[in-house]
Amino acid sequence: MSPQPMTASEFNIVSFEEQKATLLHQGVYLAYRHSSEHTVLLFQLEGFYVELYYHKKNEASLQIQTFTMVDALEPYLLQIEIPPLWMLAATDVNSWD
């Protein structure tokens, strides 16, 4: 029997090192973004998202933030390439099987 997935509340109370280990072993890397001083890596764990902040100059991990609201994904949406509708219409959906 596999262990129950960690909730966001449980994740938030474990040590910073345990959070990073959990991301490495159980997290699904989704995207990254840059701010003026940080590179932010986005991961998904069971039922919530996690941002891992790295300082750009010394590449040290500094902070972890969790969230469940999809509105917080907005900074990453510009990275998603959506083909124009005419390209989708030209695709034979029967070939997707």
C-alpha atoms as a PDB file:
ATOM      1  CA  MET A   1       0.000   0.000   0.000  1.00  0.00           C
ATOM      2  CA  SER A   2       1.499   3.351  -1.031  1.00  0.00           C
ATOM      3  CA  PRO A   3       1.717   6.208   1.483  1.00  0.00           C
ATOM      4  CA  GLN A   4      -0.801   9.043   1.379  1.00  0.00           C
ATOM      5  CA  PRO A   5       0.395  12.067  -0.620  1.00  0.00           C
ATOM      6  CA  MET A   6       1.551  15.047   1.420  1.00  0.00           C
ATOM      7  CA  THR A   7      -0.898  17.943   1.623  1.00  0.00           C
ATOM      8  CA  ALA A   8       0.139  21.583   1.205  1.00  0.00           C
ATOM      9  CA  SER A   9      -0.328  22.130   4.950  1.00  0.00           C
ATOM     10  CA  GLU A  10       1.935  19.177   5.768  1.00  0.00           C
ATOM     11  CA  PHE A  11       4.502  20.299   3.196  1.00  0.00           C
ATOM     12  CA  ASN A  12       4.593  23.810   4.693  1.00  0.00           C
ATOM     13  CA  ILE A  13       5.544  22.592   8.184  1.00  0.00           C
ATOM     14  CA  VAL A  14       8.473  20.311   7.274  1.00  0.00           C
ATOM     15  CA  SER A  15      12.026  21.676   7.093  1.00  0.00           C
ATOM     16  CA  PHE A  16      13.294  23.556   4.053  1.00  0.00           C
ATOM     17  CA  GLU A  17      15.671  20.671   3.268  1.00  0.00           C
ATOM     18  CA  GLU A  18      12.838  18.130   3.441  1.00  0.00           C
ATOM     19  CA  GLN A  19      10.722  20.340   1.174  1.00  0.00           C
ATOM     20  CA  LYS A  20      13.513  20.402  -1.420  1.00  0.00           C
ATOM     21  CA  ALA A  21      13.958  16.625  -1.179  1.00  0.00           C
ATOM     22  CA  THR A  22      10.213  16.117  -1.604  1.00  0.00           C
ATOM     23  CA  LEU A  23      10.249  18.298  -4.732  1.00  0.00           C
ATOM     24  CA  LEU A  24      13.179  16.354  -6.142  1.00  0.00           C
ATOM     25  CA  HIS A  25      11.629  12.932  -5.562  1.00  0.00           C
ATOM     26  CA  GLN A  26       7.889  13.547  -5.901  1.00  0.00           C
ATOM     27  CA  GLY A  27       7.443  16.877  -7.651  1.00  0.00           C
ATOM     28  CA  VAL A  28       6.662  17.306 -11.316  1.00  0.00           C
ATOM     29  CA  TYR A  29       8.650  20.161 -12.822  1.00  0.00           C
ATOM     30  CA  LEU A  30       6.354  22.395 -14.897  1.00  0.00           C
ATOM     31  CA  ALA A  31       8.048  25.678 -15.788  1.00  0.00           C
ATOM     32  CA  TYR A  32      10.312  28.501 -14.708  1.00  0.00           C
ATOM     33  CA  ARG A  33      10.245  32.272 -14.724  1.00  0.00           C
ATOM     34  CA  HIS A  34      12.650  35.075 -13.930  1.00  0.00           C
ATOM     35  CA  SER A  35      12.283  38.085 -11.686  1.00  0.00           C
ATOM     36  CA  SER A  36      14.874  40.812 -11.231  1.00  0.00           C
ATOM     37  CA  GLU A  37      16.812  38.872  -8.580  1.00  0.00           C
ATOM     38  CA  HIS A  38      15.450  35.314  -8.745  1.00  0.00           C
ATOM     39  CA  THR A  39      14.840  32.349 -10.963  1.00  0.00           C
ATOM     40  CA  VAL A  40      11.619  30.662  -9.871  1.00  0.00           C
ATOM     41  CA  LEU A  41      10.988  26.988 -10.606  1.00  0.00           C
ATOM     42  CA  LEU A  42       7.400  25.748 -10.625  1.00  0.00           C
ATOM     43  CA  PHE A  43       6.545  22.218  -9.513  1.00  0.00           C
ATOM     44  CA  GLN A  44       3.320  20.343  -8.953  1.00  0.00           C
ATOM     45  CA  LEU A  45       2.797  17.982  -6.081  1.00  0.00           C
ATOM     46  CA  GLU A  46      -0.398  16.062  -5.395  1.00  0.00           C
ATOM     47  CA  GLY A  47      -3.097  18.741  -5.207  1.00  0.00           C
ATOM     48  CA  PHE A  48      -0.931  21.873  -5.022  1.00  0.00           C
ATOM     49  CA  TYR A  49       1.830  23.864  -6.692  1.00  0.00           C
ATOM     50  CA  VAL A  50       5.235  24.827  -5.322  1.00  0.00           C
ATOM     51  CA  GLU A  51       7.551  27.645  -6.368  1.00  0.00           C
ATOM     52  CA  LEU A  52      11.243  27.276  -5.515  1.00  0.00           C
ATOM     53  CA  TYR A  53      13.112  30.586  -5.582  1.00  0.00           C
ATOM     54  CA  TYR A  54      16.813  30.676  -6.469  1.00  0.00           C
ATOM     55  CA  HIS A  55      18.979  33.763  -6.135  1.00  0.00           C
ATOM     56  CA  LYS A  56      20.434  34.571  -9.567  1.00  0.00           C
ATOM     57  CA  LYS A  57      23.869  35.713  -8.366  1.00  0.00           C
ATOM     58  CA  ASN A  58      24.842  32.839  -6.106  1.00  0.00           C
ATOM     59  CA  GLU A  59      22.305  30.236  -7.312  1.00  0.00           C
ATOM     60  CA  ALA A  60      21.330  29.447  -3.717  1.00  0.00           C
ATOM     61  CA  SER A  61      17.803  28.260  -3.053  1.00  0.00           C
ATOM     62  CA  LEU A  62      16.167  30.823  -0.825  1.00  0.00           C
ATOM     63  CA  GLN A  63      12.478  30.271  -0.428  1.00  0.00           C
ATOM     64  CA  ILE A  64       9.588  27.960  -1.161  1.00  0.00           C
ATOM     65  CA  GLN A  65       5.988  29.046  -1.652  1.00  0.00           C
ATOM     66  CA  THR A  66       2.953  26.808  -2.075  1.00  0.00           C
ATOM     67  CA  PHE A  67      -0.424  27.576  -3.589  1.00  0.00           C
ATOM     68  CA  THR A  68      -3.522  25.833  -4.843  1.00  0.00           C
ATOM     69  CA  MET A  69      -5.261  28.621  -6.756  1.00  0.00           C
ATOM     70  CA  VAL A  70      -4.673  28.384 -10.512  1.00  0.00           C
ATOM     71  CA  ASP A  71      -4.717  32.203 -10.719  1.00  0.00           C
ATOM     72  CA  ALA A  72      -1.174  32.097  -9.311  1.00  0.00           C
ATOM     73  CA  LEU A  73      -0.060  30.288 -12.499  1.00  0.00           C
ATOM     74  CA  GLU A  74      -0.555  33.455 -14.548  1.00  0.00           C
ATOM     75  CA  PRO A  75       3.156  34.468 -14.601  1.00  0.00           C
ATOM     76  CA  TYR A  76       3.889  31.181 -16.393  1.00  0.00           C
ATOM     77  CA  LEU A  77       1.163  31.383 -19.035  1.00  0.00           C
ATOM     78  CA  LEU A  78       3.214  33.473 -21.470  1.00  0.00           C
ATOM     79  CA  GLN A  79       5.599  30.525 -21.826  1.00  0.00           C
ATOM     80  CA  ILE A  80       2.887  28.234 -23.181  1.00  0.00           C
ATOM     81  CA  GLU A  81       2.806  28.169 -26.953  1.00  0.00           C
ATOM     82  CA  ILE A  82      -0.679  27.786 -28.348  1.00  0.00           C
ATOM     83  CA  PRO A  83      -0.802  27.243 -32.099  1.00  0.00           C
ATOM     84  CA  PRO A  84      -3.157  29.404 -34.142  1.00  0.00           C
ATOM     85  CA  LEU A  85      -6.620  27.962 -34.640  1.00  0.00           C
ATOM     86  CA  TRP A  86      -6.068  27.483 -38.365  1.00  0.00           C
ATOM     87  CA  MET A  87      -3.207  25.094 -37.562  1.00  0.00           C
ATOM     88  CA  LEU A  88      -5.427  23.096 -35.224  1.00  0.00           C
ATOM     89  CA  ALA A  89      -8.219  23.015 -37.800  1.00  0.00           C
ATOM     90  CA  ALA A  90      -5.774  21.666 -40.396  1.00  0.00           C
ATOM     91  CA  THR A  91      -4.756  18.776 -38.107  1.00  0.00           C
ATOM     92  CA  ASP A  92      -6.468  15.469 -38.716  1.00  0.00           C
ATOM     93  CA  VAL A  93      -7.923  14.640 -35.296  1.00  0.00           C
ATOM     94  CA  ASN A  94      -8.444  11.036 -36.406  1.00  0.00           C
ATOM     95  CA  SER A  95      -4.674  10.626 -36.456  1.00  0.00           C
ATOM     96  CA  TRP A  96      -4.495  11.318 -32.680  1.00  0.00           C
ATOM     97  CA  ASP A  97      -5.489   7.754 -31.754  1.00  0.00           C
END
